[in-house]
Amino acid sequence: MSTGLPSCETDAGGSGGTHHFRLFVAGESPRSSRAISNLTLLCQRAIPDAHKIEVIDVLERPDLAEAAFVLATPMVMRMQPLPQRRAVGDFNDLARLAAAIDLHAPDTRDETAS
């Protein structure tokens, strides 16, 4: 089952230092695209060689959304390292997103255009 949504996987650091994120979106909307872009940008800045972003379209995989108790989209879950963290929104404020998922980038000032 393939959506037009991009997926980003970078795991140069091996499983020990890898951050794994699940990003739940609803279709290919502009808000979904912004969430994907902003989360990817934050990960590239903070953990460039040690992250995996799994994009899940809840319209195509409602079973996964239900299992994860997704009530709103876009929503990101930090799966690894534990404990899990969640954030909801299109993530325009990178510093706020970094704080919500406990990911501290050297520079998370909002430089996205939206």
C-alpha atoms as a PDB file:
ATOM      1  CA  MET A   1       0.000   0.000   0.000  1.00  0.00           C
ATOM      2  CA  SER A   2       1.771   3.129  -1.185  1.00  0.00           C
ATOM      3  CA  THR A   3       0.837   6.719  -0.517  1.00  0.00           C
ATOM      4  CA  GLY A   4       2.404   9.686  -2.213  1.00  0.00           C
ATOM      5  CA  LEU A   5       3.797  10.666   1.180  1.00  0.00           C
ATOM      6  CA  PRO A   6       7.560  10.726   1.600  1.00  0.00           C
ATOM      7  CA  SER A   7       9.374   8.630   4.145  1.00  0.00           C
ATOM      8  CA  CYS A   8      12.741   9.515   5.618  1.00  0.00           C
ATOM      9  CA  GLU A   9      15.102   6.923   7.022  1.00  0.00           C
ATOM     10  CA  THR A  10      18.639   7.632   8.118  1.00  0.00           C
ATOM     11  CA  ASP A  11      20.366   5.201  10.434  1.00  0.00           C
ATOM     12  CA  ALA A  12      24.108   5.677  10.209  1.00  0.00           C
ATOM     13  CA  GLY A  13      24.591   5.401  13.956  1.00  0.00           C
ATOM     14  CA  GLY A  14      23.189   1.886  14.341  1.00  0.00           C
ATOM     15  CA  SER A  15      20.276   0.950  16.565  1.00  0.00           C
ATOM     16  CA  GLY A  16      21.916   2.126  19.787  1.00  0.00           C
ATOM     17  CA  GLY A  17      21.760   5.852  18.994  1.00  0.00           C
ATOM     18  CA  THR A  18      18.832   5.931  16.626  1.00  0.00           C
ATOM     19  CA  HIS A  19      15.714   7.984  17.206  1.00  0.00           C
ATOM     20  CA  HIS A  20      12.592   6.424  15.722  1.00  0.00           C
ATOM     21  CA  PHE A  21       9.540   8.593  15.034  1.00  0.00           C
ATOM     22  CA  ARG A  22       6.054   7.742  13.770  1.00  0.00           C
ATOM     23  CA  LEU A  23       4.291  10.629  12.110  1.00  0.00           C
ATOM     24  CA  PHE A  24       0.544  10.185  11.662  1.00  0.00           C
ATOM     25  CA  VAL A  25      -1.010  12.352   8.937  1.00  0.00           C
ATOM     26  CA  ALA A  26      -4.397  12.508   7.222  1.00  0.00           C
ATOM     27  CA  GLY A  27      -3.857  12.334   3.483  1.00  0.00           C
ATOM     28  CA  GLU A  28      -1.637  14.523   1.349  1.00  0.00           C
ATOM     29  CA  SER A  29      -2.816  17.884   2.652  1.00  0.00           C
ATOM     30  CA  PRO A  30      -0.633  20.997   2.923  1.00  0.00           C
ATOM     31  CA  ARG A  31      -0.698  20.599   6.717  1.00  0.00           C
ATOM     32  CA  SER A  32       0.579  17.016   6.407  1.00  0.00           C
ATOM     33  CA  SER A  33       3.347  18.135   4.062  1.00  0.00           C
ATOM     34  CA  ARG A  34       4.418  20.896   6.474  1.00  0.00           C
ATOM     35  CA  ALA A  35       4.507  18.450   9.369  1.00  0.00           C
ATOM     36  CA  ILE A  36       6.686  16.038   7.385  1.00  0.00           C
ATOM     37  CA  SER A  37       9.033  18.830   6.243  1.00  0.00           C
ATOM     38  CA  ASN A  38       9.349  20.401   9.676  1.00  0.00           C
ATOM     39  CA  LEU A  39       9.972  17.124  11.514  1.00  0.00           C
ATOM     40  CA  THR A  40      12.535  16.118   8.884  1.00  0.00           C
ATOM     41  CA  LEU A  41      14.279  19.501   9.176  1.00  0.00           C
ATOM     42  CA  LEU A  42      14.458  19.235  12.968  1.00  0.00           C
ATOM     43  CA  CYS A  43      15.859  15.699  12.799  1.00  0.00           C
ATOM     44  CA  GLN A  44      18.436  16.684  10.173  1.00  0.00           C
ATOM     45  CA  ARG A  45      19.636  19.506  12.432  1.00  0.00           C
ATOM     46  CA  ALA A  46      19.593  17.663  15.753  1.00  0.00           C
ATOM     47  CA  ILE A  47      20.418  14.054  14.860  1.00  0.00           C
ATOM     48  CA  PRO A  48      21.436  14.055  11.184  1.00  0.00           C
ATOM     49  CA  ASP A  49      22.738  10.498  10.989  1.00  0.00           C
ATOM     50  CA  ALA A  50      20.630   8.767  13.583  1.00  0.00           C
ATOM     51  CA  HIS A  51      16.916   9.048  12.880  1.00  0.00           C
ATOM     52  CA  LYS A  52      14.077   7.199  11.243  1.00  0.00           C
ATOM     53  CA  ILE A  53      10.753   8.842  10.395  1.00  0.00           C
ATOM     54  CA  GLU A  54       7.890   6.533   9.562  1.00  0.00           C
ATOM     55  CA  VAL A  55       4.965   8.378   7.916  1.00  0.00           C
ATOM     56  CA  ILE A  56       1.561   6.761   8.423  1.00  0.00           C
ATOM     57  CA  ASP A  57      -1.541   7.985   6.584  1.00  0.00           C
ATOM     58  CA  VAL A  58      -4.453   7.368   8.953  1.00  0.00           C
ATOM     59  CA  LEU A  59      -6.879   7.338   6.014  1.00  0.00           C
ATOM     60  CA  GLU A  60      -5.104   4.267   4.642  1.00  0.00           C
ATOM     61  CA  ARG A  61      -4.122   2.692   7.981  1.00  0.00           C
ATOM     62  CA  PRO A  62      -6.859   3.485  10.507  1.00  0.00           C
ATOM     63  CA  ASP A  63      -5.899   0.325  12.414  1.00  0.00           C
ATOM     64  CA  LEU A  64      -2.477   1.772  13.261  1.00  0.00           C
ATOM     65  CA  ALA A  65      -4.024   5.088  14.285  1.00  0.00           C
ATOM     66  CA  GLU A  66      -6.488   3.333  16.562  1.00  0.00           C
ATOM     67  CA  ALA A  67      -3.779   1.168  18.123  1.00  0.00           C
ATOM     68  CA  ALA A  68      -1.700   4.296  18.853  1.00  0.00           C
ATOM     69  CA  PHE A  69      -4.721   6.223  20.201  1.00  0.00           C
ATOM     70  CA  VAL A  70      -4.334   8.978  17.599  1.00  0.00           C
ATOM     71  CA  LEU A  71      -7.032  11.591  18.208  1.00  0.00           C
ATOM     72  CA  ALA A  72      -5.718  14.382  15.963  1.00  0.00           C
ATOM     73  CA  THR A  73      -3.332  14.729  13.040  1.00  0.00           C
ATOM     74  CA  PRO A  74      -0.613  15.497  12.281  1.00  0.00           C
ATOM     75  CA  MET A  75       0.779  13.756  15.356  1.00  0.00           C
ATOM     76  CA  VAL A  76       4.323  12.564  15.934  1.00  0.00           C
ATOM     77  CA  MET A  77       5.289   9.846  18.384  1.00  0.00           C
ATOM     78  CA  ARG A  78       8.886   9.398  19.449  1.00  0.00           C
ATOM     79  CA  MET A  79       9.108   5.620  19.690  1.00  0.00           C
ATOM     80  CA  GLN A  80      12.825   5.369  20.559  1.00  0.00           C
ATOM     81  CA  PRO A  81      14.539   6.198  22.771  1.00  0.00           C
ATOM     82  CA  LEU A  82      12.095   5.579  25.581  1.00  0.00           C
ATOM     83  CA  PRO A  83      10.014   7.035  27.112  1.00  0.00           C
ATOM     84  CA  GLN A  84       7.670   7.733  24.234  1.00  0.00           C
ATOM     85  CA  ARG A  85       6.735  11.352  23.565  1.00  0.00           C
ATOM     86  CA  ARG A  86       3.896  12.835  21.479  1.00  0.00           C
ATOM     87  CA  ALA A  87       3.197  16.158  19.818  1.00  0.00           C
ATOM     88  CA  VAL A  88       0.320  17.362  17.639  1.00  0.00           C
ATOM     89  CA  GLY A  89       0.361  20.081  14.973  1.00  0.00           C
ATOM     90  CA  ASP A  90       2.156  21.059  11.782  1.00  0.00           C
ATOM     91  CA  PHE A  91       5.278  21.846  13.838  1.00  0.00           C
ATOM     92  CA  ASN A  92       6.027  25.335  12.502  1.00  0.00           C
ATOM     93  CA  ASP A  93       7.759  26.187  15.779  1.00  0.00           C
ATOM     94  CA  LEU A  94      10.789  23.892  15.735  1.00  0.00           C
ATOM     95  CA  ALA A  95      11.936  24.844  19.237  1.00  0.00           C
ATOM     96  CA  ARG A  96       8.533  23.937  20.645  1.00  0.00           C
ATOM     97  CA  LEU A  97       8.510  20.644  18.726  1.00  0.00           C
ATOM     98  CA  ALA A  98      12.017  19.832  19.971  1.00  0.00           C
ATOM     99  CA  ALA A  99      10.917  20.443  23.555  1.00  0.00           C
ATOM    100  CA  ALA A 100       7.736  18.388  23.136  1.00  0.00           C
ATOM    101  CA  ILE A 101       9.578  15.318  21.858  1.00  0.00           C
ATOM    102  CA  ASP A 102      12.612  15.916  24.067  1.00  0.00           C
ATOM    103  CA  LEU A 103      14.978  16.426  21.154  1.00  0.00           C
ATOM    104  CA  HIS A 104      17.424  19.246  21.638  1.00  0.00           C
ATOM    105  CA  ALA A 105      18.908  20.635  18.474  1.00  0.00           C
ATOM    106  CA  PRO A 106      21.789  23.099  18.509  1.00  0.00           C
ATOM    107  CA  ASP A 107      19.643  25.673  16.677  1.00  0.00           C
ATOM    108  CA  THR A 108      15.887  25.141  16.387  1.00  0.00           C
ATOM    109  CA  ARG A 109      14.826  28.694  15.588  1.00  0.00           C
ATOM    110  CA  ASP A 110      11.837  28.792  13.292  1.00  0.00           C
ATOM    111  CA  GLU A 111      13.164  29.235   9.769  1.00  0.00           C
ATOM    112  CA  THR A 112      10.303  27.545   7.909  1.00  0.00           C
ATOM    113  CA  ALA A 113       8.158  29.521   5.534  1.00  0.00           C
ATOM    114  CA  SER A 114       4.467  28.956   6.053  1.00  0.00           C
END
